[in-house]
Amino acid sequence: MKSMTMKIAMAALAVSSAMFGAKQAAAESITVAYFLEWPMPFEYAKQMGTYKKEMGVDINWVSFESGVKMSAAMASGDVHLSVSQGLPPFVVATSAGQDLQILDVAVSYADNDNCVVRSELEIDKTNAGELAGKKVAVPLGTAAHYGFLNQMKHFGVDVATIDVVDMDPPDGAAAIAQGAVDMFCGWGGSLRRALEHGNVLMTGAEKTELGILVFDVTSGPAGWVAENGDLVAKFLKVTADANAMWADKANHAEMLPLIAKDAGMDETAAMETIATFEFPTIDEQLGSAWLGGNAQNFMKGVADVFVQAGSIDGALDTYENAVNTGPLQAAKGM
């Protein structure tokens, strides 16, 4: 665990050392981070060119392997908005002093972020204690890391007895397939591949009952957001419209091919994945269950878990300033 603590500390240093002092992007083009193999309605609008049409700027879309890397890219000024950044890496970055803001709730997905144990070990929730001494692939500082820590706490497994290896999900999925690790933690297409070689310890519903919420956000550097509020509002509006369109199943036949293409998946895999997602409406996001208070409290809980695990040095007293609902409120009125 010392190596895990050191890696998280180094990651936190990397994302906090570069204050967002780079030249602010001119309103001619912006760079937006997203994930491959993570199918979402916004990708239909992306493929249709709706963002560029509605915002009036060129958009450079760049794929990333983890939310931790998104934080680093926003710290350097290379990325202006990150779509579907996991909440835990956002919390790690803000706890380290990076001035990021949550702008909306991108997706909720309790069943699409989990840990998988190799089948031949025959370990499940009834004998999870046998994970002691095993090797686990975990992308540190992510939602998967947070879920892993909470599951181990629930099962009474001392994480110090586990060989935790920091791996992005694609690498972790390959490692469990090769037998190089005993357990994988991750999401999306990587999780689907890992499940071909093992089983989960807890279902999404069981995790939710324990209070292990799993959701992603759209985030951005506070300084850039302050200078480009109208642009951000338009971005969120296009995203919300795409979510609303997907909510009507009559639109699935039209949208799915473009979503799957953009996500780098076949249509069957994309549908199986997106079927486990929930996309809150703007009104729902602004309510108390999400950005109206619960998300801020949840972030504090996530930070405290990471502090207790020795993964970050400390938590903020409050994460209220890490949420900016102004652009979302403006999008609602558009």
Protein backbone atom coordinates (compact mmCIF):
# COMPACT_ATOMS: atom_id res chain seq x y z
CA MET A 1 0.00 0.00 0.00
CA LYS A 2 2.97 2.32 0.41
CA SER A 3 3.48 2.29 -3.35
CA MET A 4 -0.22 3.04 -3.88
CA THR A 5 -0.05 5.98 -1.46
CA MET A 6 3.06 7.30 -3.19
CA LYS A 7 1.46 7.06 -6.63
CA ILE A 8 -1.68 8.89 -5.51
CA ALA A 9 0.45 11.55 -3.84
CA MET A 10 2.48 11.98 -7.01
CA ALA A 11 -0.68 12.18 -9.10
CA ALA A 12 -2.13 14.77 -6.74
CA LEU A 13 1.10 16.76 -6.96
CA ALA A 14 1.03 16.59 -10.74
CA VAL A 15 -2.51 17.91 -11.02
CA SER A 16 -2.05 20.60 -8.40
CA SER A 17 1.39 21.87 -9.34
CA ALA A 18 0.25 23.36 -12.63
CA MET A 19 -2.23 26.03 -11.68
CA PHE A 20 -4.55 26.90 -14.51
CA GLY A 21 -2.44 29.83 -15.56
CA ALA A 22 -2.02 28.92 -19.18
CA LYS A 23 -3.43 31.26 -21.74
CA GLN A 24 -7.21 31.12 -21.70
CA ALA A 25 -8.56 29.59 -24.87
CA ALA A 26 -9.98 32.02 -27.33
CA ALA A 27 -13.62 31.35 -28.06
CA GLU A 28 -12.69 29.91 -31.44
CA SER A 29 -12.03 26.35 -30.36
CA ILE A 30 -12.16 24.23 -27.21
CA THR A 31 -10.78 20.82 -26.27
CA VAL A 32 -13.10 18.31 -24.62
CA ALA A 33 -12.06 15.04 -22.97
CA TYR A 34 -14.16 11.87 -23.11
CA PHE A 35 -13.85 8.07 -22.85
CA LEU A 36 -13.90 5.44 -25.56
CA GLU A 37 -16.00 2.30 -24.94
CA TRP A 38 -18.29 4.47 -22.80
CA PRO A 39 -21.41 4.97 -24.97
CA MET A 40 -23.53 7.99 -24.09
CA PRO A 41 -26.22 10.06 -25.87
CA PHE A 42 -23.92 13.09 -26.20
CA GLU A 43 -21.94 11.10 -28.76
CA TYR A 44 -24.89 11.22 -31.14
CA ALA A 45 -24.79 15.03 -30.96
CA LYS A 46 -21.02 14.88 -31.32
CA GLN A 47 -21.27 12.81 -34.49
CA MET A 48 -24.04 15.02 -35.88
CA GLY A 49 -21.94 18.15 -35.37
CA THR A 50 -24.56 19.65 -33.05
CA TYR A 51 -22.08 20.98 -30.50
CA LYS A 52 -20.17 22.96 -33.10
CA LYS A 53 -23.41 24.25 -34.67
CA GLU A 54 -24.95 25.39 -31.39
CA MET A 55 -21.78 26.70 -29.77
CA GLY A 56 -20.21 28.32 -32.82
CA VAL A 57 -16.72 27.02 -32.06
CA ASP A 58 -14.56 24.16 -33.26
CA ILE A 59 -14.30 21.31 -30.77
CA ASN A 60 -11.26 19.08 -30.43
CA TRP A 61 -12.40 15.81 -28.83
CA VAL A 62 -9.65 13.84 -27.10
CA SER A 63 -10.10 10.40 -25.53
CA PHE A 64 -8.55 9.53 -22.16
CA GLU A 65 -8.03 6.30 -20.20
CA SER A 66 -8.96 7.64 -16.76
CA GLY A 67 -10.42 10.59 -14.91
CA VAL A 68 -7.08 11.11 -13.16
CA LYS A 69 -5.48 11.86 -16.54
CA MET A 70 -8.37 14.21 -17.35
CA SER A 71 -7.56 16.19 -14.20
CA ALA A 72 -3.92 16.49 -15.19
CA ALA A 73 -4.88 17.67 -18.69
CA MET A 74 -7.22 20.32 -17.26
CA ALA A 75 -4.49 21.44 -14.84
CA SER A 76 -2.10 22.02 -17.73
CA GLY A 77 -4.71 23.91 -19.73
CA ASP A 78 -4.74 21.30 -22.48
CA VAL A 79 -8.40 20.40 -21.82
CA HIS A 80 -11.27 22.80 -21.12
CA LEU A 81 -14.12 20.39 -20.36
CA SER A 82 -14.19 16.72 -19.37
CA VAL A 83 -17.31 14.68 -20.08
CA SER A 84 -18.03 11.81 -17.73
CA GLN A 85 -15.08 12.32 -15.39
CA GLY A 86 -15.50 9.98 -12.44
CA LEU A 87 -16.36 11.70 -9.17
CA PRO A 88 -13.47 10.18 -7.15
CA PRO A 89 -10.70 11.48 -9.46
CA PHE A 90 -12.43 14.86 -9.38
CA VAL A 91 -12.36 14.71 -5.57
CA VAL A 92 -8.68 13.69 -5.54
CA ALA A 93 -7.78 16.67 -7.73
CA THR A 94 -9.80 19.26 -5.81
CA SER A 95 -8.56 17.89 -2.49
CA ALA A 96 -5.01 18.50 -3.76
CA GLY A 97 -5.86 22.11 -4.52
CA GLN A 98 -6.82 22.01 -8.20
CA ASP A 99 -9.57 24.55 -8.89
CA LEU A 100 -12.07 22.40 -10.81
CA GLN A 101 -15.85 22.63 -10.85
CA ILE A 102 -18.62 20.12 -11.43
CA LEU A 103 -20.97 21.44 -14.10
CA ASP A 104 -23.47 18.60 -14.46
CA VAL A 105 -24.15 14.96 -13.60
CA ALA A 106 -23.15 13.11 -16.75
CA VAL A 107 -24.30 9.59 -15.89
CA SER A 108 -25.14 7.27 -12.99
CA TYR A 109 -23.98 3.66 -13.40
CA ALA A 110 -23.86 1.43 -10.33
CA ASP A 111 -23.73 -1.71 -12.50
CA ASN A 112 -21.02 -0.51 -14.86
CA ASP A 113 -18.14 0.06 -12.47
CA ASN A 114 -17.11 -2.95 -10.43
CA CYS A 115 -14.48 -5.43 -9.34
CA VAL A 116 -14.18 -8.90 -10.90
CA VAL A 117 -12.45 -11.92 -9.31
CA ARG A 118 -11.00 -14.67 -11.52
CA SER A 119 -13.42 -17.60 -11.74
CA GLU A 120 -10.95 -20.33 -10.77
CA LEU A 121 -10.37 -18.69 -7.38
CA GLU A 122 -14.03 -19.36 -6.49
CA ILE A 123 -14.18 -16.23 -4.34
CA ASP A 124 -17.47 -14.42 -3.89
CA LYS A 125 -19.16 -12.35 -1.18
CA THR A 126 -19.37 -15.40 1.12
CA ASN A 127 -15.59 -15.88 1.31
CA ALA A 128 -14.15 -12.50 0.26
CA GLY A 129 -11.59 -12.77 3.05
CA GLU A 130 -9.62 -15.10 0.79
CA LEU A 131 -8.59 -12.06 -1.26
CA ALA A 132 -5.79 -11.48 1.25
CA GLY A 133 -2.48 -12.01 -0.49
CA LYS A 134 -4.01 -11.68 -3.95
CA LYS A 135 -2.99 -9.24 -6.69
CA VAL A 136 -5.56 -6.66 -7.81
CA ALA A 137 -5.49 -4.26 -10.78
CA VAL A 138 -7.01 -0.93 -9.72
CA PRO A 139 -6.86 2.47 -11.48
CA LEU A 140 -5.87 4.57 -8.48
CA GLY A 141 -7.85 7.69 -7.60
CA THR A 142 -10.87 6.68 -9.70
CA ALA A 143 -14.45 5.60 -9.03
CA ALA A 144 -13.25 2.00 -9.32
CA HIS A 145 -10.64 2.65 -6.61
CA TYR A 146 -13.25 4.18 -4.32
CA GLY A 147 -15.58 1.24 -4.89
CA PHE A 148 -12.76 -1.23 -4.26
CA LEU A 149 -11.86 0.40 -0.93
CA ASN A 150 -15.48 0.40 0.22
CA GLN A 151 -16.09 -3.20 -0.81
CA MET A 152 -12.99 -4.35 1.03
CA LYS A 153 -14.08 -2.39 4.10
CA HIS A 154 -17.52 -4.00 3.91
CA PHE A 155 -16.03 -7.50 3.72
CA GLY A 156 -13.49 -6.79 6.46
CA VAL A 157 -10.50 -7.30 4.16
CA ASP A 158 -7.39 -5.30 5.11
CA VAL A 159 -6.24 -3.61 1.89
CA ALA A 160 -2.68 -3.72 3.27
CA THR A 161 -2.77 -7.51 2.78
CA ILE A 162 -3.54 -7.12 -0.95
CA ASP A 163 -1.01 -6.44 -3.70
CA VAL A 164 -2.64 -3.42 -5.37
CA VAL A 165 -1.29 -2.61 -8.84
CA ASP A 166 -2.15 0.72 -10.48
CA MET A 167 -3.55 -0.12 -13.94
CA ASP A 168 -5.89 1.67 -16.31
CA PRO A 169 -8.96 -0.51 -17.03
CA PRO A 170 -7.87 -1.68 -20.52
CA ASP A 171 -4.57 -2.92 -19.07
CA GLY A 172 -6.30 -4.44 -16.06
CA ALA A 173 -8.73 -6.34 -18.29
CA ALA A 174 -5.82 -7.74 -20.29
CA ALA A 175 -4.02 -8.70 -17.08
CA ILE A 176 -6.94 -10.66 -15.63
CA ALA A 177 -7.45 -12.40 -18.98
CA GLN A 178 -3.79 -13.47 -18.91
CA GLY A 179 -3.96 -14.56 -15.27
CA ALA A 180 -1.43 -11.88 -14.30
CA VAL A 181 -3.80 -10.50 -11.61
CA ASP A 182 -6.43 -12.15 -9.44
CA MET A 183 -8.94 -9.32 -9.48
CA PHE A 184 -9.78 -6.44 -11.80
CA CYS A 185 -11.52 -3.18 -10.92
CA GLY A 186 -12.77 -0.87 -13.65
CA TRP A 187 -15.62 0.10 -15.93
CA GLY A 188 -17.10 0.08 -19.43
CA GLY A 189 -15.78 -2.18 -22.17
CA SER A 190 -12.89 -3.24 -19.96
CA LEU A 191 -15.33 -4.45 -17.31
CA ARG A 192 -17.26 -6.39 -19.96
CA ARG A 193 -14.06 -8.14 -21.04
CA ALA A 194 -13.02 -8.85 -17.45
CA LEU A 195 -16.39 -10.49 -16.75
CA GLU A 196 -15.52 -13.12 -19.36
CA HIS A 197 -12.94 -14.40 -16.87
CA GLY A 198 -14.60 -13.93 -13.49
CA ASN A 199 -17.41 -12.75 -11.26
CA VAL A 200 -18.34 -9.65 -9.24
CA LEU A 201 -18.41 -9.64 -5.46
CA MET A 202 -21.40 -7.30 -5.26
CA THR A 203 -24.13 -6.23 -7.67
CA GLY A 204 -24.83 -2.60 -8.43
CA ALA A 205 -27.95 -2.70 -6.26
CA GLU A 206 -25.98 -4.14 -3.34
CA LYS A 207 -23.34 -1.43 -3.69
CA THR A 208 -25.99 1.28 -3.80
CA GLU A 209 -27.53 -0.08 -0.58
CA LEU A 210 -24.13 0.39 1.07
CA GLY A 211 -24.06 3.99 -0.15
CA ILE A 212 -21.45 3.33 -2.83
CA LEU A 213 -22.86 5.69 -5.43
CA VAL A 214 -21.24 5.57 -8.84
CA PHE A 215 -21.64 8.58 -11.08
CA ASP A 216 -19.64 10.78 -13.43
CA VAL A 217 -19.73 14.51 -13.99
CA THR A 218 -18.91 17.09 -16.61
CA SER A 219 -16.12 19.21 -15.14
CA GLY A 220 -13.92 22.14 -16.06
CA PRO A 221 -11.30 24.53 -14.62
CA ALA A 222 -13.08 27.23 -12.60
CA GLY A 223 -11.20 30.09 -14.25
CA TRP A 224 -12.01 28.99 -17.76
CA VAL A 225 -15.64 28.31 -16.88
CA ALA A 226 -15.98 31.79 -15.36
CA GLU A 227 -14.73 33.38 -18.59
CA ASN A 228 -16.81 31.15 -20.88
CA GLY A 229 -20.08 30.66 -18.99
CA ASP A 230 -22.34 31.07 -22.03
CA LEU A 231 -20.28 28.59 -24.04
CA VAL A 232 -20.45 26.08 -21.19
CA ALA A 233 -24.21 26.54 -20.86
CA LYS A 234 -24.67 25.81 -24.56
CA PHE A 235 -22.52 22.69 -24.25
CA LEU A 236 -24.63 21.43 -21.34
CA LYS A 237 -27.83 22.23 -23.23
CA VAL A 238 -26.79 20.11 -26.22
CA THR A 239 -25.88 17.28 -23.86
CA ALA A 240 -29.22 17.50 -22.05
CA ASP A 241 -31.13 17.53 -25.34
CA ALA A 242 -29.30 14.39 -26.47
CA ASN A 243 -30.12 12.69 -23.15
CA ALA A 244 -33.78 13.65 -23.55
CA MET A 245 -33.80 12.28 -27.09
CA TRP A 246 -32.32 8.96 -25.91
CA ALA A 247 -34.93 8.74 -23.15
CA ASP A 248 -37.51 8.10 -25.89
CA LYS A 249 -36.87 4.53 -27.06
CA ALA A 250 -38.34 5.43 -30.44
CA ASN A 251 -35.07 7.27 -31.13
CA HIS A 252 -32.74 4.38 -30.28
CA ALA A 253 -32.61 2.99 -33.82
CA GLU A 254 -31.45 6.35 -35.14
CA MET A 255 -29.04 7.19 -32.34
CA LEU A 256 -27.38 3.88 -31.46
CA PRO A 257 -25.32 3.41 -34.66
CA LEU A 258 -23.67 6.82 -34.25
CA ILE A 259 -23.17 6.38 -30.48
CA ALA A 260 -21.57 2.96 -31.02
CA LYS A 261 -19.33 4.31 -33.80
CA ASP A 262 -18.13 7.18 -31.64
CA ALA A 263 -17.52 4.90 -28.66
CA GLY A 264 -15.51 2.46 -30.78
CA MET A 265 -17.92 -0.42 -30.11
CA ASP A 266 -20.29 -2.65 -32.05
CA GLU A 267 -23.96 -1.84 -31.62
CA THR A 268 -24.76 -4.87 -29.47
CA ALA A 269 -22.01 -4.13 -26.96
CA ALA A 270 -22.88 -0.43 -26.93
CA MET A 271 -26.55 -1.15 -26.21
CA GLU A 272 -25.74 -3.66 -23.48
CA THR A 273 -23.54 -1.04 -21.83
CA ILE A 274 -25.74 2.03 -22.18
CA ALA A 275 -28.72 0.03 -20.92
CA THR A 276 -27.06 0.05 -17.48
CA PHE A 277 -26.75 3.86 -17.49
CA GLU A 278 -29.10 6.50 -16.12
CA PHE A 279 -29.02 10.10 -17.36
CA PRO A 280 -30.66 12.54 -14.91
CA THR A 281 -32.57 15.45 -16.43
CA ILE A 282 -31.51 19.04 -15.75
CA ASP A 283 -34.30 19.42 -13.18
CA GLU A 284 -33.23 16.21 -11.45
CA GLN A 285 -29.59 17.30 -11.44
CA LEU A 286 -30.47 20.63 -9.85
CA GLY A 287 -32.55 18.90 -7.16
CA SER A 288 -31.38 18.00 -3.66
CA ALA A 289 -30.59 14.39 -4.62
CA TRP A 290 -27.77 15.57 -6.87
CA LEU A 291 -26.17 19.01 -7.23
CA GLY A 292 -28.59 20.65 -4.82
CA GLY A 293 -26.65 19.28 -1.86
CA ASN A 294 -26.22 15.50 -1.88
CA ALA A 295 -23.30 15.46 -4.34
CA GLN A 296 -21.36 17.93 -2.20
CA ASN A 297 -21.90 15.81 0.92
CA PHE A 298 -21.00 12.64 -0.98
CA MET A 299 -17.74 14.19 -2.17
CA LYS A 300 -16.76 14.86 1.41
CA GLY A 301 -17.43 11.20 2.20
CA VAL A 302 -15.33 10.05 -0.75
CA ALA A 303 -12.45 12.28 0.31
CA ASP A 304 -12.60 11.00 3.88
CA VAL A 305 -12.43 7.39 2.63
CA PHE A 306 -9.31 8.21 0.60
CA VAL A 307 -7.73 9.97 3.59
CA GLN A 308 -8.42 6.98 5.85
CA ALA A 309 -6.89 4.68 3.25
CA GLY A 310 -3.77 6.87 3.12
CA SER A 311 -4.38 7.59 -0.57
CA ILE A 312 -4.51 11.39 -0.24
CA ASP A 313 -3.05 13.68 2.39
CA GLY A 314 -6.22 15.46 3.39
CA ALA A 315 -9.77 16.47 2.53
CA LEU A 316 -11.33 19.90 2.14
CA ASP A 317 -13.64 21.11 4.89
CA THR A 318 -16.42 21.36 2.31
CA TYR A 319 -16.84 20.68 -1.40
CA GLU A 320 -19.63 23.20 -1.94
CA ASN A 321 -17.35 25.48 -3.96
CA ALA A 322 -16.48 22.57 -6.25
CA VAL A 323 -20.00 22.65 -7.75
CA ASN A 324 -21.12 25.41 -10.13
CA THR A 325 -24.77 25.11 -11.16
CA GLY A 326 -24.82 28.51 -12.91
CA PRO A 327 -24.23 27.20 -16.45
CA LEU A 328 -26.73 24.38 -15.92
CA GLN A 329 -29.34 26.84 -14.71
CA ALA A 330 -28.67 28.91 -17.82
CA ALA A 331 -28.97 25.80 -20.02
CA LYS A 332 -32.36 25.08 -18.48
CA GLY A 333 -33.58 28.47 -19.69
CA MET A 334 -32.32 28.04 -23.25
